[in-house]
C-alpha atoms as a PDB file:
ATOM      1  CA  MET A   1      64.893 -91.402 127.332  1.00  0.00           C
ATOM      2  CA  LEU A   2      66.295 -88.130 125.989  1.00  0.00           C
ATOM      3  CA  HIS A   3      63.965 -85.345 124.917  1.00  0.00           C
ATOM      4  CA  TYR A   4      63.732 -85.020 121.148  1.00  0.00           C
ATOM      5  CA  ARG A   5      61.869 -83.214 118.384  1.00  0.00           C
ATOM      6  CA  GLN A   6      61.157 -84.775 115.014  1.00  0.00           C
ATOM      7  CA  TYR A   7      60.081 -83.140 111.783  1.00  0.00           C
ATOM      8  CA  LYS A   8      58.847 -85.656 109.215  1.00  0.00           C
ATOM      9  CA  SER A   9      58.657 -84.666 105.545  1.00  0.00           C
ATOM     10  CA  ASP A  10      58.483 -87.806 103.375  1.00  0.00           C
ATOM     11  CA  PRO A  11      59.217 -91.461 104.223  1.00  0.00           C
ATOM     12  CA  ALA A  12      61.437 -91.616 101.125  1.00  0.00           C
ATOM     13  CA  ASN A  13      63.661 -88.807 102.388  1.00  0.00           C
ATOM     14  CA  PRO A  14      66.757 -89.585 104.450  1.00  0.00           C
ATOM     15  CA  TRP A  15      66.882 -88.914 108.178  1.00  0.00           C
ATOM     16  CA  VAL A  16      69.167 -86.213 109.564  1.00  0.00           C
ATOM     17  CA  THR A  17      69.908 -86.173 113.297  1.00  0.00           C
ATOM     18  CA  LEU A  18      71.186 -82.983 114.958  1.00  0.00           C
ATOM     19  CA  ILE A  19      73.474 -83.059 118.011  1.00  0.00           C
ATOM     20  CA  HIS A  20      74.167 -79.789 119.867  1.00  0.00           C
ATOM     21  CA  GLY A  21      77.234 -78.718 121.827  1.00  0.00           C
ATOM     22  CA  ALA A  22      78.012 -78.410 125.549  1.00  0.00           C
ATOM     23  CA  GLY A  23      75.568 -76.163 127.342  1.00  0.00           C
ATOM     24  CA  GLY A  24      73.312 -75.968 124.293  1.00  0.00           C
ATOM     25  CA  SER A  25      70.110 -77.755 123.344  1.00  0.00           C
ATOM     26  CA  SER A  26      68.155 -78.753 120.256  1.00  0.00           C
ATOM     27  CA  SER A  27      66.989 -75.132 119.991  1.00  0.00           C
ATOM     28  CA  ILE A  28      70.399 -74.038 118.626  1.00  0.00           C
ATOM     29  CA  TRP A  29      69.336 -75.460 115.250  1.00  0.00           C
ATOM     30  CA  TYR A  30      66.663 -72.776 114.789  1.00  0.00           C
ATOM     31  CA  LYS A  31      68.401 -71.517 111.629  1.00  0.00           C
ATOM     32  CA  GLN A  32      68.572 -74.983 110.072  1.00  0.00           C
ATOM     33  CA  ILE A  33      65.237 -76.708 110.709  1.00  0.00           C
ATOM     34  CA  LYS A  34      63.170 -74.802 108.136  1.00  0.00           C
ATOM     35  CA  GLU A  35      65.607 -75.563 105.304  1.00  0.00           C
ATOM     36  CA  TYR A  36      66.431 -79.118 106.353  1.00  0.00           C
ATOM     37  CA  ARG A  37      62.828 -80.255 106.598  1.00  0.00           C
ATOM     38  CA  LYS A  38      62.297 -79.374 102.919  1.00  0.00           C
ATOM     39  CA  SER A  39      64.540 -82.281 101.918  1.00  0.00           C
ATOM     40  CA  PHE A  40      64.945 -84.481 104.988  1.00  0.00           C
ATOM     41  CA  ASN A  41      63.217 -86.057 107.931  1.00  0.00           C
ATOM     42  CA  VAL A  42      64.842 -84.255 110.851  1.00  0.00           C
ATOM     43  CA  LEU A  43      65.483 -85.377 114.414  1.00  0.00           C
ATOM     44  CA  SER A  44      66.991 -83.013 116.992  1.00  0.00           C
ATOM     45  CA  ILE A  45      68.010 -84.317 120.410  1.00  0.00           C
ATOM     46  CA  ASP A  46      68.737 -82.752 123.796  1.00  0.00           C
ATOM     47  CA  LEU A  47      71.725 -84.569 125.287  1.00  0.00           C
ATOM     48  CA  ARG A  48      71.508 -85.712 128.903  1.00  0.00           C
ATOM     49  CA  GLY A  49      71.308 -82.786 131.339  1.00  0.00           C
ATOM     50  CA  HIS A  50      70.627 -80.316 128.514  1.00  0.00           C
ATOM     51  CA  GLY A  51      67.461 -78.626 127.337  1.00  0.00           C
ATOM     52  CA  ARG A  52      64.389 -80.635 128.317  1.00  0.00           C
ATOM     53  CA  SER A  53      66.191 -83.945 128.820  1.00  0.00           C
ATOM     54  CA  ARG A  54      66.303 -85.440 132.281  1.00  0.00           C
ATOM     55  CA  LYS A  55      68.944 -84.499 134.799  1.00  0.00           C
ATOM     56  CA  GLY A  56      70.745 -87.053 136.934  1.00  0.00           C
ATOM     57  CA  LEU A  57      71.268 -89.784 134.325  1.00  0.00           C
ATOM     58  CA  TRP A  58      74.965 -90.096 135.114  1.00  0.00           C
ATOM     59  CA  LYS A  59      76.558 -93.160 136.691  1.00  0.00           C
ATOM     60  CA  LYS A  60      80.026 -93.146 138.182  1.00  0.00           C
ATOM     61  CA  ASP A  61      82.091 -94.247 135.182  1.00  0.00           C
ATOM     62  CA  ASP A  62      79.891 -93.000 132.330  1.00  0.00           C
ATOM     63  CA  SER A  63      81.743 -91.793 129.247  1.00  0.00           C
ATOM     64  CA  PHE A  64      80.968 -90.641 125.719  1.00  0.00           C
ATOM     65  CA  VAL A  65      80.049 -94.263 124.971  1.00  0.00           C
ATOM     66  CA  GLU A  66      77.098 -94.075 127.382  1.00  0.00           C
ATOM     67  CA  VAL A  67      76.148 -90.642 125.990  1.00  0.00           C
ATOM     68  CA  THR A  68      75.957 -92.111 122.475  1.00  0.00           C
ATOM     69  CA  ALA A  69      73.903 -95.045 123.767  1.00  0.00           C
ATOM     70  CA  ASP A  70      71.335 -92.449 124.892  1.00  0.00           C
ATOM     71  CA  VAL A  71      71.115 -91.223 121.293  1.00  0.00           C
ATOM     72  CA  ILE A  72      70.761 -94.744 119.885  1.00  0.00           C
ATOM     73  CA  ARG A  73      67.872 -95.442 122.270  1.00  0.00           C
ATOM     74  CA  VAL A  74      65.982 -92.520 120.725  1.00  0.00           C
ATOM     75  CA  LEU A  75      66.638 -93.820 117.194  1.00  0.00           C
ATOM     76  CA  ASP A  76      65.521 -97.303 118.236  1.00  0.00           C
ATOM     77  CA  TYR A  77      62.324 -95.944 119.790  1.00  0.00           C
ATOM     78  CA  LEU A  78      61.521 -94.034 116.597  1.00  0.00           C
ATOM     79  CA  GLN A  79      62.537 -97.023 114.444  1.00  0.00           C
ATOM     80  CA  ILE A  80      65.172 -95.014 112.585  1.00  0.00           C
ATOM     81  CA  LYS A  81      67.611 -97.597 111.288  1.00  0.00           C
ATOM     82  CA  LYS A  82      70.155 -95.160 109.853  1.00  0.00           C
ATOM     83  CA  SER A  83      70.718 -91.409 109.768  1.00  0.00           C
ATOM     84  CA  HIS A  84      73.028 -88.664 108.648  1.00  0.00           C
ATOM     85  CA  PHE A  85      74.384 -86.909 111.742  1.00  0.00           C
ATOM     86  CA  ILE A  86      75.221 -83.213 112.060  1.00  0.00           C
ATOM     87  CA  GLY A  87      76.903 -81.882 115.177  1.00  0.00           C
ATOM     88  CA  ILE A  88      78.371 -78.709 116.610  1.00  0.00           C
ATOM     89  CA  SER A  89      81.334 -78.461 119.008  1.00  0.00           C
ATOM     90  CA  LEU A  90      81.075 -81.150 121.702  1.00  0.00           C
ATOM     91  CA  GLY A  91      78.289 -82.729 119.658  1.00  0.00           C
ATOM     92  CA  THR A  92      80.961 -83.681 117.108  1.00  0.00           C
ATOM     93  CA  ILE A  93      82.684 -85.857 119.732  1.00  0.00           C
ATOM     94  CA  VAL A  94      79.375 -87.615 120.354  1.00  0.00           C
ATOM     95  CA  ILE A  95      78.977 -88.245 116.626  1.00  0.00           C
ATOM     96  CA  GLN A  96      82.554 -89.480 116.219  1.00  0.00           C
ATOM     97  CA  THR A  97      81.861 -91.888 119.075  1.00  0.00           C
ATOM     98  CA  LEU A  98      78.700 -93.038 117.297  1.00  0.00           C
ATOM     99  CA  VAL A  99      80.815 -93.813 114.224  1.00  0.00           C
ATOM    100  CA  GLN A 100      83.138 -95.874 116.395  1.00  0.00           C
ATOM    101  CA  GLU A 101      80.460 -97.713 118.382  1.00  0.00           C
ATOM    102  CA  TYR A 102      77.549 -97.902 115.912  1.00  0.00           C
ATOM    103  CA  PRO A 103      78.946 -97.422 112.375  1.00  0.00           C
ATOM    104  CA  ASP A 104      75.992 -99.210 110.785  1.00  0.00           C
ATOM    105  CA  ARG A 105      73.653 -96.494 112.119  1.00  0.00           C
ATOM    106  CA  VAL A 106      75.558 -93.556 110.587  1.00  0.00           C
ATOM    107  CA  THR A 107      75.089 -92.734 106.899  1.00  0.00           C
ATOM    108  CA  SER A 108      77.444 -89.744 107.073  1.00  0.00           C
ATOM    109  CA  GLN A 109      78.850 -87.356 109.643  1.00  0.00           C
ATOM    110  CA  ILE A 110      78.986 -83.576 109.324  1.00  0.00           C
ATOM    111  CA  LEU A 111      81.153 -82.041 112.038  1.00  0.00           C
ATOM    112  CA  GLY A 112      80.674 -78.297 112.566  1.00  0.00           C
ATOM    113  CA  GLY A 113      83.141 -76.501 114.821  1.00  0.00           C
ATOM    114  CA  ALA A 114      84.694 -79.942 115.197  1.00  0.00           C
ATOM    115  CA  VAL A 115      86.659 -80.850 118.289  1.00  0.00           C
ATOM    116  CA  ILE A 116      89.343 -83.359 117.316  1.00  0.00           C
ATOM    117  CA  LYS A 117      92.257 -82.117 119.431  1.00  0.00           C
ATOM    118  CA  LEU A 118      92.835 -79.717 122.319  1.00  0.00           C
ATOM    119  CA  ASP A 119      95.796 -77.373 121.961  1.00  0.00           C
ATOM    120  CA  ILE A 120      97.814 -76.052 124.902  1.00  0.00           C
ATOM    121  CA  ARG A 121      95.523 -73.020 125.345  1.00  0.00           C
ATOM    122  CA  THR A 122      92.400 -75.165 125.552  1.00  0.00           C
ATOM    123  CA  LYS A 123      94.042 -77.663 127.895  1.00  0.00           C
ATOM    124  CA  LEU A 124      95.122 -74.796 130.158  1.00  0.00           C
ATOM    125  CA  LEU A 125      91.574 -73.429 130.283  1.00  0.00           C
ATOM    126  CA  ILE A 126      90.155 -76.858 131.039  1.00  0.00           C
ATOM    127  CA  GLY A 127      92.800 -77.453 133.703  1.00  0.00           C
ATOM    128  CA  ILE A 128      91.885 -74.220 135.467  1.00  0.00           C
ATOM    129  CA  ALA A 129      88.176 -74.989 135.197  1.00  0.00           C
ATOM    130  CA  ASN A 130      88.673 -78.504 136.603  1.00  0.00           C
ATOM    131  CA  ALA A 131      90.593 -77.044 139.550  1.00  0.00           C
ATOM    132  CA  VAL A 132      87.816 -74.626 140.538  1.00  0.00           C
ATOM    133  CA  LYS A 133      84.668 -76.328 139.209  1.00  0.00           C
ATOM    134  CA  HIS A 134      83.417 -77.238 142.689  1.00  0.00           C
ATOM    135  CA  ILE A 135      83.970 -73.699 143.962  1.00  0.00           C
ATOM    136  CA  VAL A 136      83.183 -71.253 141.172  1.00  0.00           C
ATOM    137  CA  PRO A 137      79.605 -71.130 139.796  1.00  0.00           C
ATOM    138  CA  TYR A 138      79.633 -72.932 136.461  1.00  0.00           C
ATOM    139  CA  MET A 139      78.085 -69.998 134.580  1.00  0.00           C
ATOM    140  CA  TYR A 140      81.145 -67.846 135.350  1.00  0.00           C
ATOM    141  CA  LEU A 141      83.357 -70.516 133.800  1.00  0.00           C
ATOM    142  CA  TYR A 142      81.012 -71.059 130.865  1.00  0.00           C
ATOM    143  CA  LYS A 143      80.761 -67.343 130.068  1.00  0.00           C
ATOM    144  CA  LEU A 144      84.549 -66.972 130.222  1.00  0.00           C
ATOM    145  CA  TYR A 145      85.056 -69.925 127.884  1.00  0.00           C
ATOM    146  CA  ALA A 146      82.353 -68.624 125.529  1.00  0.00           C
ATOM    147  CA  TRP A 147      84.075 -65.244 125.266  1.00  0.00           C
ATOM    148  CA  ILE A 148      87.461 -66.864 124.619  1.00  0.00           C
ATOM    149  CA  LEU A 149      85.986 -69.236 122.025  1.00  0.00           C
ATOM    150  CA  MET A 150      83.744 -66.640 120.333  1.00  0.00           C
ATOM    151  CA  PRO A 151      85.397 -63.261 120.910  1.00  0.00           C
ATOM    152  CA  HIS A 152      84.324 -61.150 117.908  1.00  0.00           C
ATOM    153  CA  SER A 153      81.272 -58.966 117.470  1.00  0.00           C
ATOM    154  CA  ASN A 154      80.038 -61.202 114.628  1.00  0.00           C
ATOM    155  CA  HIS A 155      79.988 -64.061 117.158  1.00  0.00           C
ATOM    156  CA  ASN A 156      77.574 -62.237 119.470  1.00  0.00           C
ATOM    157  CA  GLU A 157      74.459 -64.155 118.482  1.00  0.00           C
ATOM    158  CA  SER A 158      76.052 -67.601 118.742  1.00  0.00           C
ATOM    159  CA  ARG A 159      77.773 -66.720 122.019  1.00  0.00           C
ATOM    160  CA  LEU A 160      74.553 -65.442 123.596  1.00  0.00           C
ATOM    161  CA  ALA A 161      72.584 -68.431 122.303  1.00  0.00           C
ATOM    162  CA  PHE A 162      74.880 -70.878 124.062  1.00  0.00           C
ATOM    163  CA  ILE A 163      75.124 -68.818 127.252  1.00  0.00           C
ATOM    164  CA  ASN A 164      71.337 -68.524 127.492  1.00  0.00           C
ATOM    165  CA  GLN A 165      70.889 -72.258 126.958  1.00  0.00           C
ATOM    166  CA  ALA A 166      73.627 -73.080 129.482  1.00  0.00           C
ATOM    167  CA  LYS A 167      71.691 -71.211 132.176  1.00  0.00           C
ATOM    168  CA  LYS A 168      69.179 -74.068 132.100  1.00  0.00           C
ATOM    169  CA  MET A 169      71.816 -76.536 133.286  1.00  0.00           C
ATOM    170  CA  CYS A 170      72.786 -77.071 136.902  1.00  0.00           C
ATOM    171  CA  GLN A 171      76.215 -77.151 138.548  1.00  0.00           C
ATOM    172  CA  LYS A 172      76.110 -80.928 139.035  1.00  0.00           C
ATOM    173  CA  GLU A 173      75.387 -81.601 135.359  1.00  0.00           C
ATOM    174  CA  PHE A 174      78.109 -79.167 134.283  1.00  0.00           C
ATOM    175  CA  ILE A 175      80.645 -80.982 136.477  1.00  0.00           C
ATOM    176  CA  LYS A 176      79.643 -84.370 135.048  1.00  0.00           C
ATOM    177  CA  TRP A 177      80.084 -83.159 131.469  1.00  0.00           C
ATOM    178  CA  PHE A 178      83.362 -81.456 132.335  1.00  0.00           C
ATOM    179  CA  ALA A 179      84.674 -84.723 133.766  1.00  0.00           C
ATOM    180  CA  LEU A 180      84.620 -86.134 130.215  1.00  0.00           C
ATOM    181  CA  THR A 181      87.451 -83.756 129.262  1.00  0.00           C
ATOM    182  CA  LYS A 182      89.974 -85.685 131.347  1.00  0.00           C
ATOM    183  CA  SER A 183      92.491 -87.418 129.058  1.00  0.00           C
ATOM    184  CA  ILE A 184      90.428 -86.271 126.094  1.00  0.00           C
ATOM    185  CA  ASN A 185      93.273 -85.987 123.560  1.00  0.00           C
ATOM    186  CA  PRO A 186      94.141 -89.719 123.544  1.00  0.00           C
ATOM    187  CA  TYR A 187      90.436 -90.482 123.186  1.00  0.00           C
ATOM    188  CA  LEU A 188      90.058 -88.072 120.264  1.00  0.00           C
ATOM    189  CA  ARG A 189      93.079 -89.627 118.544  1.00  0.00           C
ATOM    190  CA  SER A 190      91.492 -93.064 118.847  1.00  0.00           C
ATOM    191  CA  LEU A 191      88.286 -91.743 117.250  1.00  0.00           C
ATOM    192  CA  GLN A 192      90.200 -90.519 114.207  1.00  0.00           C
ATOM    193  CA  LEU A 193      91.446 -94.064 113.619  1.00  0.00           C
ATOM    194  CA  GLN A 194      87.874 -95.390 113.583  1.00  0.00           C
ATOM    195  CA  ALA A 195      86.197 -93.525 110.702  1.00  0.00           C
ATOM    196  CA  ASN A 196      84.823 -96.889 109.493  1.00  0.00           C
ATOM    197  CA  ASN A 197      84.460 -95.592 105.928  1.00  0.00           C
ATOM    198  CA  VAL A 198      81.689 -93.196 106.963  1.00  0.00           C
ATOM    199  CA  PRO A 199      81.598 -90.143 104.621  1.00  0.00           C
ATOM    200  CA  THR A 200      82.828 -87.148 106.610  1.00  0.00           C
ATOM    201  CA  LEU A 201      82.539 -83.396 106.133  1.00  0.00           C
ATOM    202  CA  PHE A 202      84.114 -80.849 108.457  1.00  0.00           C
ATOM    203  CA  VAL A 203      82.483 -77.404 108.410  1.00  0.00           C
ATOM    204  CA  MET A 204      84.609 -74.857 110.247  1.00  0.00           C
ATOM    205  CA  GLY A 205      84.534 -71.109 110.736  1.00  0.00           C
ATOM    206  CA  GLU A 206      87.682 -69.327 109.554  1.00  0.00           C
ATOM    207  CA  GLU A 207      87.749 -67.578 112.949  1.00  0.00           C
ATOM    208  CA  ASP A 208      87.591 -70.802 114.967  1.00  0.00           C
ATOM    209  CA  TYR A 209      91.030 -70.170 116.425  1.00  0.00           C
ATOM    210  CA  LEU A 210      91.096 -73.043 118.905  1.00  0.00           C
ATOM    211  CA  PHE A 211      89.936 -75.917 116.706  1.00  0.00           C
ATOM    212  CA  LEU A 212      90.457 -75.149 113.009  1.00  0.00           C
ATOM    213  CA  SER A 213      94.189 -75.910 112.746  1.00  0.00           C
ATOM    214  CA  PRO A 214      93.970 -79.536 113.973  1.00  0.00           C
ATOM    215  CA  VAL A 215      91.166 -80.192 111.491  1.00  0.00           C
ATOM    216  CA  LYS A 216      93.243 -78.798 108.616  1.00  0.00           C
ATOM    217  CA  GLU A 217      96.151 -81.044 109.627  1.00  0.00           C
ATOM    218  CA  LEU A 218      93.932 -84.116 109.779  1.00  0.00           C
ATOM    219  CA  VAL A 219      92.288 -83.473 106.394  1.00  0.00           C
ATOM    220  CA  HIS A 220      95.712 -82.922 104.840  1.00  0.00           C
ATOM    221  CA  LYS A 221      96.791 -86.362 106.101  1.00  0.00           C
ATOM    222  CA  GLN A 222      93.531 -88.091 105.160  1.00  0.00           C
ATOM    223  CA  PRO A 223      92.351 -86.833 101.750  1.00  0.00           C
ATOM    224  CA  ASP A 224      89.170 -88.940 101.939  1.00  0.00           C
ATOM    225  CA  LEU A 225      87.890 -86.418 104.499  1.00  0.00           C
ATOM    226  CA  ASN A 226      86.262 -83.186 103.363  1.00  0.00           C
ATOM    227  CA  LEU A 227      86.668 -79.686 104.810  1.00  0.00           C
ATOM    228  CA  ILE A 228      84.801 -76.458 104.100  1.00  0.00           C
ATOM    229  CA  THR A 229      85.754 -73.258 105.900  1.00  0.00           C
ATOM    230  CA  ILE A 230      83.244 -70.430 106.215  1.00  0.00           C
ATOM    231  CA  LYS A 231      84.270 -66.782 106.106  1.00  0.00           C
ATOM    232  CA  ASP A 232      83.264 -64.338 108.848  1.00  0.00           C
ATOM    233  CA  SER A 233      82.403 -67.216 111.133  1.00  0.00           C
ATOM    234  CA  GLY A 234      83.667 -68.508 114.435  1.00  0.00           C
ATOM    235  CA  HIS A 235      83.216 -71.754 116.319  1.00  0.00           C
ATOM    236  CA  VAL A 236      79.423 -71.973 116.092  1.00  0.00           C
ATOM    237  CA  CYS A 237      79.260 -71.620 112.326  1.00  0.00           C
ATOM    238  CA  ASN A 238      75.666 -72.818 111.984  1.00  0.00           C
ATOM    239  CA  ILE A 239      74.528 -69.624 113.755  1.00  0.00           C
ATOM    240  CA  ASP A 240      77.227 -67.207 112.546  1.00  0.00           C
ATOM    241  CA  GLN A 241      76.667 -67.997 108.844  1.00  0.00           C
ATOM    242  CA  PRO A 242      73.513 -70.123 108.589  1.00  0.00           C
ATOM    243  CA  GLU A 243      72.892 -69.694 104.863  1.00  0.00           C
ATOM    244  CA  THR A 244      76.333 -70.994 103.929  1.00  0.00           C
ATOM    245  CA  PHE A 245      76.191 -73.725 106.571  1.00  0.00           C
ATOM    246  CA  ASN A 246      72.806 -74.907 105.313  1.00  0.00           C
ATOM    247  CA  GLU A 247      73.884 -74.837 101.673  1.00  0.00           C
ATOM    248  CA  VAL A 248      77.050 -76.894 102.098  1.00  0.00           C
ATOM    249  CA  THR A 249      75.549 -79.444 104.487  1.00  0.00           C
ATOM    250  CA  ILE A 250      72.418 -80.007 102.396  1.00  0.00           C
ATOM    251  CA  GLN A 251      74.532 -80.382  99.256  1.00  0.00           C
ATOM    252  CA  PHE A 252      76.801 -82.926 100.959  1.00  0.00           C
ATOM    253  CA  ILE A 253      73.876 -85.036 102.171  1.00  0.00           C
ATOM    254  CA  HIS A 254      72.264 -84.958  98.719  1.00  0.00           C
ATOM    255  CA  GLN A 255      75.540 -86.128  97.180  1.00  0.00           C
ATOM    256  CA  ILE A 256      75.847 -89.030  99.628  1.00  0.00           C
ATOM    257  CA  HIS A 257      72.180 -89.955  99.165  1.00  0.00           C
ATOM    258  CA  GLU A 258      72.488 -89.997  95.366  1.00  0.00           C
ATOM    259  CA  LEU A 259      75.683 -92.042  95.590  1.00  0.00           C
ATOM    260  CA  LEU A 260      73.988 -94.645  97.794  1.00  0.00           C
ATOM    261  CA  LEU A 261      70.980 -94.808  95.466  1.00  0.00           C
ATOM    262  CA  GLY A 262      73.339 -95.368  92.526  1.00  0.00           C
ATOM    263  CA  GLN A 263      75.072 -98.212  94.367  1.00  0.00           C
ATOM    264  CA  LYS A 264      71.724 -99.892  95.087  1.00  0.00           C
ATOM    265  CA  LYS A 265      70.739 -99.681  91.402  1.00  0.00           C
ATOM    266  CA  VAL A 266      74.042-101.269  90.377  1.00  0.00           C
ATOM    267  CA  GLN A 267      73.545-104.096  92.892  1.00  0.00           C
ATOM    268  CA  VAL A 268      69.996-104.742  91.699  1.00  0.00           C
ATOM    269  CA  SER A 269      70.990-104.743  87.995  1.00  0.00           C
ATOM    270  CA  SER A 270      73.897-107.065  88.621  1.00  0.00           C
END
């Protein structure tokens, strides 16, 4: 089973599950845990091959579906029936897959630095990386991508956090995760058709040049989705601007929780 950390506050409080991005680990939520645990029961998970989770879990044809099954096994073990999910970067693809495969387990999804479409620049970078991934050490590729994705001085902390965590991976695990990027755009489009009425909030940095525009287009087409952009922030907005990130995500979860409580009261009274 995946490595996890849980922070229990009160059985009456909702659960919030945190899913990190590629190369990261549960430690990237160090600016959220203290605030979240005041209002929520918190679960943070290391995805397969990341952090302190086991290496070598991959089978030949594993996809994001198998990755999400890993997450569900942790929830089952801890007897968590339902949770709000918060993700960053690649973690948002995992959460969107959870919504598609296990909608009854997801109370809401908060997608930070969301990946919902790859533009021509990103596809070019991935194409180059796929061509040389067996030759070039993965940390060279990861550092290059991190600098392209988080180029500004105010991104230094988030960029270094992900690079330092990525050093704990191995080449084989990196290659397995990178294999999931093949034909990713059609898969991402299918996820957007499977929101399953799960309340959704996108939280994006205004300087997230590779991924912000597709999110804006999607929210414009689907007004039931919510988007908040954060100033002076890049792709990893939970580290670049943690106070704002914490405020808007906590507020959103409280709103959903109160709405659900109101619905239960109406059902009981009727």
